[in-house]
């Protein structure tokens, strides 16, 4: 739902960007993670939002590579430590292509 071009030191720092991206006002991450709230947030996502997220992920990964960041791998997941962005977008893109919606 929004660009994220850097890592945050503490999980609670994600709350403000989450609130801004989804037009919410959660006071803490536990409130955000409450099942009803989380499902409501997910219901706001559209297919276009997912397409945009894939596009943003590709840009982040390309910029990380251009900056010379070293690709990390942990339990089969590849990511950059300096600007975390998992390669999860690849699997989501494949699913959307298989479904012929991308």
C-alpha atoms as a PDB file:
ATOM      1  CA  UNK A   1       0.000   0.000   0.000  1.00  0.00           C
ATOM      2  CA  UNK A   2       3.045   2.280   0.336  1.00  0.00           C
ATOM      3  CA  UNK A   3       6.728   2.527  -0.475  1.00  0.00           C
ATOM      4  CA  UNK A   4       9.109   1.306   2.198  1.00  0.00           C
ATOM      5  CA  UNK A   5      12.737   1.986   1.437  1.00  0.00           C
ATOM      6  CA  UNK A   6      14.607   1.033   4.552  1.00  0.00           C
ATOM      7  CA  UNK A   7      14.534  -1.163   7.568  1.00  0.00           C
ATOM      8  CA  UNK A   8      13.119  -0.226  10.932  1.00  0.00           C
ATOM      9  CA  UNK A   9      14.896  -1.152  14.143  1.00  0.00           C
ATOM     10  CA  UNK A  10      11.833  -2.125  16.178  1.00  0.00           C
ATOM     11  CA  UNK A  11       8.540  -3.742  15.238  1.00  0.00           C
ATOM     12  CA  UNK A  12       6.477  -1.002  16.878  1.00  0.00           C
ATOM     13  CA  UNK A  13       7.905   1.427  14.299  1.00  0.00           C
ATOM     14  CA  UNK A  14       5.758  -0.245  11.626  1.00  0.00           C
ATOM     15  CA  UNK A  15       2.574   0.953  13.318  1.00  0.00           C
ATOM     16  CA  UNK A  16       2.614   4.532  11.994  1.00  0.00           C
ATOM     17  CA  UNK A  17       3.220   3.499   8.350  1.00  0.00           C
ATOM     18  CA  UNK A  18       0.501   0.826   8.666  1.00  0.00           C
ATOM     19  CA  UNK A  19      -1.986   3.336  10.066  1.00  0.00           C
ATOM     20  CA  UNK A  20      -1.141   5.829   7.323  1.00  0.00           C
ATOM     21  CA  UNK A  21      -1.351   3.268   4.493  1.00  0.00           C
ATOM     22  CA  UNK A  22      -4.698   1.871   5.593  1.00  0.00           C
ATOM     23  CA  UNK A  23      -6.270   5.016   7.038  1.00  0.00           C
ATOM     24  CA  UNK A  24      -6.375   3.553  10.534  1.00  0.00           C
ATOM     25  CA  UNK A  25      -5.484   4.702  14.036  1.00  0.00           C
ATOM     26  CA  UNK A  26      -4.324   1.587  15.866  1.00  0.00           C
ATOM     27  CA  UNK A  27      -2.614   2.413  19.155  1.00  0.00           C
ATOM     28  CA  UNK A  28      -0.349  -0.656  19.140  1.00  0.00           C
ATOM     29  CA  UNK A  29       0.515  -3.698  17.050  1.00  0.00           C
ATOM     30  CA  UNK A  30      -1.538  -6.030  19.234  1.00  0.00           C
ATOM     31  CA  UNK A  31      -4.621  -4.018  18.326  1.00  0.00           C
ATOM     32  CA  UNK A  32      -3.664  -4.202  14.634  1.00  0.00           C
ATOM     33  CA  UNK A  33      -3.084  -7.963  14.881  1.00  0.00           C
ATOM     34  CA  UNK A  34      -6.444  -8.655  16.526  1.00  0.00           C
ATOM     35  CA  UNK A  35      -8.153 -11.103  14.183  1.00  0.00           C
ATOM     36  CA  UNK A  36     -11.145  -8.893  13.334  1.00  0.00           C
ATOM     37  CA  UNK A  37      -8.955  -5.845  12.686  1.00  0.00           C
ATOM     38  CA  UNK A  38      -6.488  -7.807  10.601  1.00  0.00           C
ATOM     39  CA  UNK A  39      -9.254  -9.331   8.471  1.00  0.00           C
ATOM     40  CA  UNK A  40     -10.799  -5.883   7.998  1.00  0.00           C
ATOM     41  CA  UNK A  41      -7.439  -4.511   6.838  1.00  0.00           C
ATOM     42  CA  UNK A  42      -6.981  -7.414   4.424  1.00  0.00           C
ATOM     43  CA  UNK A  43     -10.439  -6.776   2.986  1.00  0.00           C
ATOM     44  CA  UNK A  44      -9.228  -3.324   1.903  1.00  0.00           C
ATOM     45  CA  UNK A  45      -6.657  -4.848  -0.469  1.00  0.00           C
ATOM     46  CA  UNK A  46      -7.506  -5.037  -4.145  1.00  0.00           C
ATOM     47  CA  UNK A  47      -5.899  -6.964  -6.963  1.00  0.00           C
ATOM     48  CA  UNK A  48      -4.465  -3.679  -8.192  1.00  0.00           C
ATOM     49  CA  UNK A  49      -2.852  -3.148  -4.765  1.00  0.00           C
ATOM     50  CA  UNK A  50      -1.161  -6.543  -5.119  1.00  0.00           C
ATOM     51  CA  UNK A  51       0.045  -5.700  -8.632  1.00  0.00           C
ATOM     52  CA  UNK A  52       1.485  -2.414  -7.332  1.00  0.00           C
ATOM     53  CA  UNK A  53       3.181  -4.219  -4.443  1.00  0.00           C
ATOM     54  CA  UNK A  54       4.853  -6.622  -6.882  1.00  0.00           C
ATOM     55  CA  UNK A  55       6.066  -3.667  -8.934  1.00  0.00           C
ATOM     56  CA  UNK A  56       7.403  -1.868  -5.838  1.00  0.00           C
ATOM     57  CA  UNK A  57       9.158  -5.045  -4.686  1.00  0.00           C
ATOM     58  CA  UNK A  58      10.943  -5.402  -8.010  1.00  0.00           C
ATOM     59  CA  UNK A  59      12.156  -1.800  -7.782  1.00  0.00           C
ATOM     60  CA  UNK A  60      13.411  -2.272  -4.215  1.00  0.00           C
ATOM     61  CA  UNK A  61      15.275  -5.443  -5.140  1.00  0.00           C
ATOM     62  CA  UNK A  62      16.852  -3.801  -8.189  1.00  0.00           C
ATOM     63  CA  UNK A  63      17.964  -0.796  -6.118  1.00  0.00           C
ATOM     64  CA  UNK A  64      19.392  -3.089  -3.428  1.00  0.00           C
ATOM     65  CA  UNK A  65      21.427  -4.898  -6.060  1.00  0.00           C
ATOM     66  CA  UNK A  66      22.616  -1.610  -7.603  1.00  0.00           C
ATOM     67  CA  UNK A  67      23.728  -0.413  -4.147  1.00  0.00           C
ATOM     68  CA  UNK A  68      25.897  -3.519  -3.853  1.00  0.00           C
ATOM     69  CA  UNK A  69      24.015  -4.957  -0.894  1.00  0.00           C
ATOM     70  CA  UNK A  70      24.757  -8.594  -0.197  1.00  0.00           C
ATOM     71  CA  UNK A  71      21.848 -10.971  -0.717  1.00  0.00           C
ATOM     72  CA  UNK A  72      21.077 -12.985   2.429  1.00  0.00           C
ATOM     73  CA  UNK A  73      19.361 -16.337   2.661  1.00  0.00           C
ATOM     74  CA  UNK A  74      17.659 -17.897   5.649  1.00  0.00           C
ATOM     75  CA  UNK A  75      15.624 -21.103   5.554  1.00  0.00           C
ATOM     76  CA  UNK A  76      15.057 -20.746   1.827  1.00  0.00           C
ATOM     77  CA  UNK A  77      14.066 -17.068   1.955  1.00  0.00           C
ATOM     78  CA  UNK A  78      16.241 -14.544   0.140  1.00  0.00           C
ATOM     79  CA  UNK A  79      16.401 -10.936   1.305  1.00  0.00           C
ATOM     80  CA  UNK A  80      18.620  -7.907   1.752  1.00  0.00           C
ATOM     81  CA  UNK A  81      19.429  -6.984   5.359  1.00  0.00           C
ATOM     82  CA  UNK A  82      19.855  -3.260   4.638  1.00  0.00           C
ATOM     83  CA  UNK A  83      16.453  -2.848   3.022  1.00  0.00           C
ATOM     84  CA  UNK A  84      14.377  -5.939   3.703  1.00  0.00           C
ATOM     85  CA  UNK A  85      12.335  -7.129   0.799  1.00  0.00           C
ATOM     86  CA  UNK A  86      11.675 -10.825   0.485  1.00  0.00           C
ATOM     87  CA  UNK A  87      11.462 -12.478  -2.886  1.00  0.00           C
ATOM     88  CA  UNK A  88       7.909 -13.433  -1.913  1.00  0.00           C
ATOM     89  CA  UNK A  89       6.674 -11.271  -4.781  1.00  0.00           C
ATOM     90  CA  UNK A  90       8.009 -13.916  -7.196  1.00  0.00           C
ATOM     91  CA  UNK A  91       5.602 -16.568  -5.890  1.00  0.00           C
ATOM     92  CA  UNK A  92       2.687 -14.142  -5.831  1.00  0.00           C
ATOM     93  CA  UNK A  93       3.476 -13.051  -9.379  1.00  0.00           C
ATOM     94  CA  UNK A  94       3.552 -16.712 -10.511  1.00  0.00           C
ATOM     95  CA  UNK A  95       0.182 -17.375  -8.898  1.00  0.00           C
ATOM     96  CA  UNK A  96      -1.374 -14.346 -10.599  1.00  0.00           C
ATOM     97  CA  UNK A  97       0.142 -15.372 -13.940  1.00  0.00           C
ATOM     98  CA  UNK A  98      -1.176 -18.925 -13.546  1.00  0.00           C
ATOM     99  CA  UNK A  99      -4.609 -17.467 -12.823  1.00  0.00           C
ATOM    100  CA  UNK A 100      -4.223 -15.239 -15.873  1.00  0.00           C
ATOM    101  CA  UNK A 101      -4.852 -12.041 -13.906  1.00  0.00           C
ATOM    102  CA  UNK A 102      -1.395 -10.641 -14.508  1.00  0.00           C
END
